[in-house]
Protein backbone atom coordinates (compact mmCIF):
# COMPACT_ATOMS: atom_id res chain seq x y z
CA UNK A 1 55.42 -2.70 43.58
CA UNK A 2 54.26 -2.04 47.12
CA UNK A 3 56.19 0.37 49.30
CA UNK A 4 55.75 1.22 52.95
CA UNK A 5 56.64 4.64 54.36
CA UNK A 6 56.61 6.20 57.83
CA UNK A 7 55.83 9.91 58.19
CA UNK A 8 56.35 11.93 61.38
CA UNK A 9 55.80 9.08 63.85
CA UNK A 10 57.91 6.53 65.69
CA UNK A 11 56.68 3.26 64.18
CA UNK A 12 58.32 0.22 62.65
CA UNK A 13 56.46 -1.90 60.14
CA UNK A 14 58.18 -5.28 60.17
CA UNK A 15 55.99 -7.41 57.93
CA UNK A 16 56.61 -5.76 54.56
CA UNK A 17 57.26 -8.92 52.55
CA UNK A 18 54.43 -10.90 54.11
CA UNK A 19 51.94 -8.05 53.73
CA UNK A 20 53.00 -7.36 50.12
CA UNK A 21 52.47 -11.01 49.25
CA UNK A 22 49.01 -10.98 50.87
CA UNK A 23 47.92 -7.77 49.11
CA UNK A 24 49.10 -9.11 45.74
CA UNK A 25 46.93 -12.21 46.31
CA UNK A 26 43.93 -9.99 47.18
CA UNK A 27 44.41 -8.00 43.97
CA UNK A 28 44.81 -11.15 41.92
CA UNK A 29 41.61 -12.64 43.34
CA UNK A 30 39.75 -9.37 42.69
CA UNK A 31 40.98 -9.44 39.06
CA UNK A 32 43.42 -6.51 39.19
CA UNK A 33 47.06 -6.01 38.33
CA UNK A 34 49.39 -4.25 40.75
CA UNK A 35 51.02 -1.10 39.50
CA UNK A 36 52.53 1.02 42.28
CA UNK A 37 51.02 1.14 45.75
CA UNK A 38 52.29 3.27 48.63
CA UNK A 39 51.27 2.76 52.23
CA UNK A 40 52.09 5.78 54.36
CA UNK A 41 51.86 5.20 58.11
CA UNK A 42 51.44 8.47 59.98
CA UNK A 43 49.81 10.13 62.98
CA UNK A 44 46.45 11.78 63.51
CA UNK A 45 47.59 15.34 62.84
CA UNK A 46 49.36 14.39 59.61
CA UNK A 47 46.26 12.60 58.32
CA UNK A 48 43.94 15.37 59.52
CA UNK A 49 45.91 17.86 57.45
CA UNK A 50 45.53 15.66 54.36
CA UNK A 51 41.82 15.29 55.09
CA UNK A 52 41.41 19.06 55.36
CA UNK A 53 43.60 19.95 52.39
CA UNK A 54 42.44 17.42 49.83
CA UNK A 55 38.97 16.34 50.96
CA UNK A 56 37.71 19.42 52.82
CA UNK A 57 36.88 17.26 55.87
CA UNK A 58 37.78 18.49 59.32
CA UNK A 59 37.73 15.11 61.06
CA UNK A 60 40.18 12.50 62.26
CA UNK A 61 40.10 9.23 60.35
CA UNK A 62 42.03 5.99 60.29
CA UNK A 63 42.60 5.86 56.53
CA UNK A 64 42.54 7.98 53.39
CA UNK A 65 42.98 6.34 50.01
CA UNK A 66 43.96 8.14 46.82
CA UNK A 67 43.50 6.31 43.53
CA UNK A 68 46.31 7.28 41.14
CA UNK A 69 45.55 4.76 38.41
CA UNK A 70 44.85 5.83 34.86
CA UNK A 71 43.74 2.33 33.86
CA UNK A 72 40.79 0.53 35.46
CA UNK A 73 42.46 -2.87 35.76
CA UNK A 74 45.71 -1.57 37.25
CA UNK A 75 45.89 -0.66 40.93
CA UNK A 76 47.98 2.39 41.75
CA UNK A 77 47.49 4.61 44.74
CA UNK A 78 48.55 6.11 48.02
CA UNK A 79 47.01 4.80 51.23
CA UNK A 80 47.54 6.93 54.35
CA UNK A 81 46.94 5.19 57.68
CA UNK A 82 46.90 6.81 61.11
CA UNK A 83 48.66 4.49 63.54
CA UNK A 84 47.09 6.44 66.42
CA UNK A 85 43.57 5.67 65.11
CA UNK A 86 44.51 2.02 64.59
CA UNK A 87 45.69 1.71 68.19
CA UNK A 88 42.56 3.42 69.50
CA UNK A 89 40.20 1.39 67.30
CA UNK A 90 41.92 -1.89 68.21
CA UNK A 91 41.23 -1.15 71.85
CA UNK A 92 37.69 0.12 71.19
CA UNK A 93 36.69 -2.98 69.20
CA UNK A 94 38.76 -5.45 71.27
CA UNK A 95 40.98 -6.43 68.33
CA UNK A 96 44.71 -6.90 68.36
CA UNK A 97 46.72 -4.03 66.88
CA UNK A 98 47.91 -6.33 64.07
CA UNK A 99 44.36 -7.42 63.14
CA UNK A 100 43.12 -3.83 63.11
CA UNK A 101 46.08 -2.66 61.05
CA UNK A 102 45.63 -5.50 58.56
CA UNK A 103 41.90 -4.74 58.31
CA UNK A 104 42.64 -1.13 57.40
CA UNK A 105 45.44 -2.15 55.01
CA UNK A 106 43.04 -4.37 53.05
CA UNK A 107 40.24 -1.79 53.38
CA UNK A 108 42.34 0.69 51.39
CA UNK A 109 43.05 -1.88 48.69
CA UNK A 110 39.36 -2.75 48.45
CA UNK A 111 38.57 0.94 47.90
CA UNK A 112 41.07 0.94 45.02
CA UNK A 113 39.29 -2.15 43.65
CA UNK A 114 36.07 -0.12 43.53
CA UNK A 115 34.36 -1.06 46.78
CA UNK A 116 32.65 1.79 48.61
CA UNK A 117 31.39 2.19 52.17
CA UNK A 118 28.97 5.13 52.16
CA UNK A 119 25.68 3.21 52.46
CA UNK A 120 24.75 0.46 54.92
CA UNK A 121 24.73 -2.10 52.08
CA UNK A 122 28.17 -0.99 50.88
CA UNK A 123 29.51 -1.09 54.44
CA UNK A 124 28.22 -4.63 54.91
CA UNK A 125 29.87 -5.83 51.69
CA UNK A 126 33.12 -4.05 52.58
CA UNK A 127 33.18 -5.69 56.03
CA UNK A 128 32.48 -9.12 54.48
CA UNK A 129 35.35 -8.62 52.02
CA UNK A 130 37.68 -7.47 54.80
CA UNK A 131 36.82 -10.53 56.91
CA UNK A 132 37.23 -12.84 53.92
CA UNK A 133 40.70 -11.54 53.07
CA UNK A 134 41.78 -11.33 56.72
CA UNK A 135 41.07 -15.04 56.97
CA UNK A 136 43.37 -15.62 53.95
CA UNK A 137 46.41 -13.87 55.38
CA UNK A 138 49.67 -15.74 55.08
């Protein structure tokens, strides 16, 4: 099950069914089973507090992903996304808001599938995977 939540911001996410279907296809192609996945759309300050409290980072970010799964092949987690960062990054990189939001949505799922983005090589693979799955959106 995939659920979408809004915390402390004025935002409407209208493509729940379409996005859920797309994410399920991504997980299937990556060889995982969906357990319970929460997307929490929030603002910068909300996400900064999570970053400080749980990760000891004092920086703004567009996404934080928490893996809650107890079994390797089952995807369960909480993905926090700052809508403010998405808007800013969409403008910065000349993407539409929807494309940037979808990129970050799939980025979180790819983290839960085991992909990392700390090194240059990992970042390149992550970007390739994001582009691949963005092209397969329904």
